[in-house]
Amino acid sequence: EVQLQASGGGLVQAGGSLSLSCAASGFTYDDYAIGWFRQAPGKEREGVACIGRVDDSTYYADSVEGRFTISSDNAKNTVYLQMNSLKPEDTAVYYCAASYGGSWYWPPNFYAMDYWGKGTQVTVSS
């Protein structure tokens, strides 16, 4: 059974940090690029960050560049998203997703994802 198990969301004050995890199982981890989308109330789901399979190349939305860091622990089949200097506008449900191939096109296409995890809520208070 394919699973992308996201965890680590929560409530934090502006300027604080959170770390999200996405544990993958049920598919060949090395064959898929994995990353994160987020969706705020009333807004479309947007790509946040992804990490490629070929050379661990990373891509970020302009809104999070320099504040968020995506990384992969290949031994644990887990992708992490370290979020620093959080802002109220980062409040959203965060989803991890996987797409077959070396990397995502950027900005990523929602419909190009092969697998999705359940979301985890991130709330940043002002």
C-alpha atoms as a PDB file:
ATOM      1  CA  GLU A   1       0.000   0.000   0.000  1.00  0.00           C
ATOM      2  CA  VAL A   2       1.385   3.397  -1.006  1.00  0.00           C
ATOM      3  CA  GLN A   3       1.637   5.827   1.866  1.00  0.00           C
ATOM      4  CA  LEU A   4       2.961   9.324   2.351  1.00  0.00           C
ATOM      5  CA  GLN A   5       2.668   9.948   6.057  1.00  0.00           C
ATOM      6  CA  ALA A   6       2.976  13.637   6.873  1.00  0.00           C
ATOM      7  CA  SER A   7       3.524  14.865  10.397  1.00  0.00           C
ATOM      8  CA  GLY A   8       4.877  17.780  12.374  1.00  0.00           C
ATOM      9  CA  GLY A   9       2.306  20.510  11.912  1.00  0.00           C
ATOM     10  CA  GLY A  10       1.105  22.674  14.746  1.00  0.00           C
ATOM     11  CA  LEU A  11       0.626  26.156  16.098  1.00  0.00           C
ATOM     12  CA  VAL A  12       3.527  28.569  16.322  1.00  0.00           C
ATOM     13  CA  GLN A  13       3.998  32.294  16.736  1.00  0.00           C
ATOM     14  CA  ALA A  14       5.261  34.445  13.903  1.00  0.00           C
ATOM     15  CA  GLY A  15       9.017  34.207  13.653  1.00  0.00           C
ATOM     16  CA  GLY A  16       9.046  30.678  15.015  1.00  0.00           C
ATOM     17  CA  SER A  17       9.984  27.370  13.419  1.00  0.00           C
ATOM     18  CA  LEU A  18       8.375  24.047  12.628  1.00  0.00           C
ATOM     19  CA  SER A  19       9.635  20.918  10.950  1.00  0.00           C
ATOM     20  CA  LEU A  20       7.430  18.685   8.824  1.00  0.00           C
ATOM     21  CA  SER A  21       8.185  15.073   7.938  1.00  0.00           C
ATOM     22  CA  CYS A  22       6.882  12.935   5.095  1.00  0.00           C
ATOM     23  CA  ALA A  23       7.558   9.216   5.453  1.00  0.00           C
ATOM     24  CA  ALA A  24       7.133   7.290   2.197  1.00  0.00           C
ATOM     25  CA  SER A  25       6.318   3.599   1.833  1.00  0.00           C
ATOM     26  CA  GLY A  26       4.839   1.216  -0.701  1.00  0.00           C
ATOM     27  CA  PHE A  27       6.804   2.471  -3.705  1.00  0.00           C
ATOM     28  CA  THR A  28      10.412   2.762  -4.826  1.00  0.00           C
ATOM     29  CA  TYR A  29      11.546   5.921  -3.079  1.00  0.00           C
ATOM     30  CA  ASP A  30      14.475   6.565  -5.415  1.00  0.00           C
ATOM     31  CA  ASP A  31      12.178   6.676  -8.463  1.00  0.00           C
ATOM     32  CA  TYR A  32      10.074   9.579  -7.220  1.00  0.00           C
ATOM     33  CA  ALA A  33      10.678  13.249  -6.569  1.00  0.00           C
ATOM     34  CA  ILE A  34       8.907  14.297  -3.392  1.00  0.00           C
ATOM     35  CA  GLY A  35       7.892  17.661  -2.115  1.00  0.00           C
ATOM     36  CA  TRP A  36       5.286  19.792  -0.427  1.00  0.00           C
ATOM     37  CA  PHE A  37       2.204  21.710  -1.435  1.00  0.00           C
ATOM     38  CA  ARG A  38       0.086  23.877   0.803  1.00  0.00           C
ATOM     39  CA  GLN A  39      -3.455  25.154   0.690  1.00  0.00           C
ATOM     40  CA  ALA A  40      -4.766  28.081   2.678  1.00  0.00           C
ATOM     41  CA  PRO A  41      -8.512  28.652   3.152  1.00  0.00           C
ATOM     42  CA  GLY A  42     -10.062  30.029  -0.012  1.00  0.00           C
ATOM     43  CA  LYS A  43      -6.862  29.664  -2.006  1.00  0.00           C
ATOM     44  CA  GLU A  44      -5.559  27.205  -4.548  1.00  0.00           C
ATOM     45  CA  ARG A  45      -3.107  24.522  -3.593  1.00  0.00           C
ATOM     46  CA  GLU A  46       0.420  25.770  -4.348  1.00  0.00           C
ATOM     47  CA  GLY A  47       3.794  24.097  -4.575  1.00  0.00           C
ATOM     48  CA  VAL A  48       6.125  24.975  -1.719  1.00  0.00           C
ATOM     49  CA  ALA A  49       9.283  22.928  -2.227  1.00  0.00           C
ATOM     50  CA  CYS A  50      10.541  19.742  -3.787  1.00  0.00           C
ATOM     51  CA  ILE A  51      13.715  17.692  -3.801  1.00  0.00           C
ATOM     52  CA  GLY A  52      14.906  15.847  -6.858  1.00  0.00           C
ATOM     53  CA  ARG A  53      16.104  12.267  -7.020  1.00  0.00           C
ATOM     54  CA  VAL A  54      19.068  12.657  -9.353  1.00  0.00           C
ATOM     55  CA  ASP A  55      21.263  15.068  -7.417  1.00  0.00           C
ATOM     56  CA  ASP A  56      18.998  16.134  -4.540  1.00  0.00           C
ATOM     57  CA  SER A  57      18.404  19.412  -6.338  1.00  0.00           C
ATOM     58  CA  THR A  58      15.879  21.577  -4.525  1.00  0.00           C
ATOM     59  CA  TYR A  59      13.231  24.022  -5.680  1.00  0.00           C
ATOM     60  CA  TYR A  60      11.253  26.542  -3.650  1.00  0.00           C
ATOM     61  CA  ALA A  61       8.372  28.886  -4.092  1.00  0.00           C
ATOM     62  CA  ASP A  62       9.538  32.507  -4.053  1.00  0.00           C
ATOM     63  CA  SER A  63       7.449  33.113  -0.955  1.00  0.00           C
ATOM     64  CA  VAL A  64       9.459  30.623   1.123  1.00  0.00           C
ATOM     65  CA  GLU A  65      12.915  30.876  -0.472  1.00  0.00           C
ATOM     66  CA  GLY A  66      15.525  31.480   2.215  1.00  0.00           C
ATOM     67  CA  ARG A  67      13.190  30.518   5.061  1.00  0.00           C
ATOM     68  CA  PHE A  68      12.291  26.907   4.268  1.00  0.00           C
ATOM     69  CA  THR A  69      14.679  24.024   3.641  1.00  0.00           C
ATOM     70  CA  ILE A  70      13.728  20.679   2.150  1.00  0.00           C
ATOM     71  CA  SER A  71      15.906  17.631   2.675  1.00  0.00           C
ATOM     72  CA  SER A  72      15.779  13.876   2.269  1.00  0.00           C
ATOM     73  CA  ASP A  73      16.961  10.995   4.416  1.00  0.00           C
ATOM     74  CA  ASN A  74      17.219   8.245   1.835  1.00  0.00           C
ATOM     75  CA  ALA A  75      17.897   5.581   4.469  1.00  0.00           C
ATOM     76  CA  LYS A  76      14.571   6.380   6.127  1.00  0.00           C
ATOM     77  CA  ASN A  77      12.587   7.145   2.929  1.00  0.00           C
ATOM     78  CA  THR A  78      11.623  10.431   4.529  1.00  0.00           C
ATOM     79  CA  VAL A  79      11.529  14.009   3.295  1.00  0.00           C
ATOM     80  CA  TYR A  80      11.691  16.901   5.726  1.00  0.00           C
ATOM     81  CA  LEU A  81      10.637  20.518   5.464  1.00  0.00           C
ATOM     82  CA  GLN A  82      12.316  22.820   7.954  1.00  0.00           C
ATOM     83  CA  MET A  83      10.327  26.037   8.200  1.00  0.00           C
ATOM     84  CA  ASN A  84      11.961  29.029   9.859  1.00  0.00           C
ATOM     85  CA  SER A  85      10.921  32.656  10.280  1.00  0.00           C
ATOM     86  CA  LEU A  86       7.315  31.640   9.871  1.00  0.00           C
ATOM     87  CA  LYS A  87       4.755  34.256   8.914  1.00  0.00           C
ATOM     88  CA  PRO A  88       0.983  34.304   9.368  1.00  0.00           C
ATOM     89  CA  GLU A  89       0.637  33.934   5.601  1.00  0.00           C
ATOM     90  CA  ASP A  90       2.323  30.530   5.873  1.00  0.00           C
ATOM     91  CA  THR A  91      -0.802  29.275   7.629  1.00  0.00           C
ATOM     92  CA  ALA A  92      -2.194  26.426   5.551  1.00  0.00           C
ATOM     93  CA  VAL A  93      -2.688  22.707   5.344  1.00  0.00           C
ATOM     94  CA  TYR A  94       0.574  21.232   4.087  1.00  0.00           C
ATOM     95  CA  TYR A  95       0.551  18.145   1.871  1.00  0.00           C
ATOM     96  CA  CYS A  96       3.438  16.015   0.752  1.00  0.00           C
ATOM     97  CA  ALA A  97       3.276  14.594  -2.744  1.00  0.00           C
ATOM     98  CA  ALA A  98       5.325  12.348  -4.995  1.00  0.00           C
ATOM     99  CA  SER A  99       5.788  12.390  -8.748  1.00  0.00           C
ATOM    100  CA  TYR A 100       7.527   9.704 -10.768  1.00  0.00           C
ATOM    101  CA  GLY A 101      10.780  10.922 -12.213  1.00  0.00           C
ATOM    102  CA  GLY A 102      13.906  12.812 -11.270  1.00  0.00           C
ATOM    103  CA  SER A 103      12.318  16.090 -10.330  1.00  0.00           C
ATOM    104  CA  TRP A 104       9.241  18.248 -10.542  1.00  0.00           C
ATOM    105  CA  TYR A 105       8.749  20.917 -13.134  1.00  0.00           C
ATOM    106  CA  TRP A 106       8.568  24.225 -11.328  1.00  0.00           C
ATOM    107  CA  PRO A 107       6.058  25.577 -10.509  1.00  0.00           C
ATOM    108  CA  PRO A 108       4.675  22.094  -9.962  1.00  0.00           C
ATOM    109  CA  ASN A 109       1.474  20.874 -11.527  1.00  0.00           C
ATOM    110  CA  PHE A 110      -1.058  19.610  -9.024  1.00  0.00           C
ATOM    111  CA  TYR A 111      -2.317  17.071 -11.566  1.00  0.00           C
ATOM    112  CA  ALA A 112       1.169  15.678 -12.230  1.00  0.00           C
ATOM    113  CA  MET A 113       1.488  14.189  -8.758  1.00  0.00           C
ATOM    114  CA  ASP A 114       1.139  10.427  -8.506  1.00  0.00           C
ATOM    115  CA  TYR A 115       0.696  10.140  -4.748  1.00  0.00           C
ATOM    116  CA  TRP A 116      -0.539  12.421  -2.003  1.00  0.00           C
ATOM    117  CA  GLY A 117      -0.321  12.300   1.739  1.00  0.00           C
ATOM    118  CA  LYS A 118      -2.968  13.527   4.112  1.00  0.00           C
ATOM    119  CA  GLY A 119      -2.434  17.120   5.063  1.00  0.00           C
ATOM    120  CA  THR A 120      -1.008  18.491   8.252  1.00  0.00           C
ATOM    121  CA  GLN A 121      -2.165  21.843   9.597  1.00  0.00           C
ATOM    122  CA  VAL A 122       0.346  24.636  10.136  1.00  0.00           C
ATOM    123  CA  THR A 123      -0.975  27.714  11.907  1.00  0.00           C
ATOM    124  CA  VAL A 124       1.160  30.791  12.468  1.00  0.00           C
ATOM    125  CA  SER A 125      -0.226  33.373  14.860  1.00  0.00           C
ATOM    126  CA  SER A 126       0.682  37.050  14.652  1.00  0.00           C
END
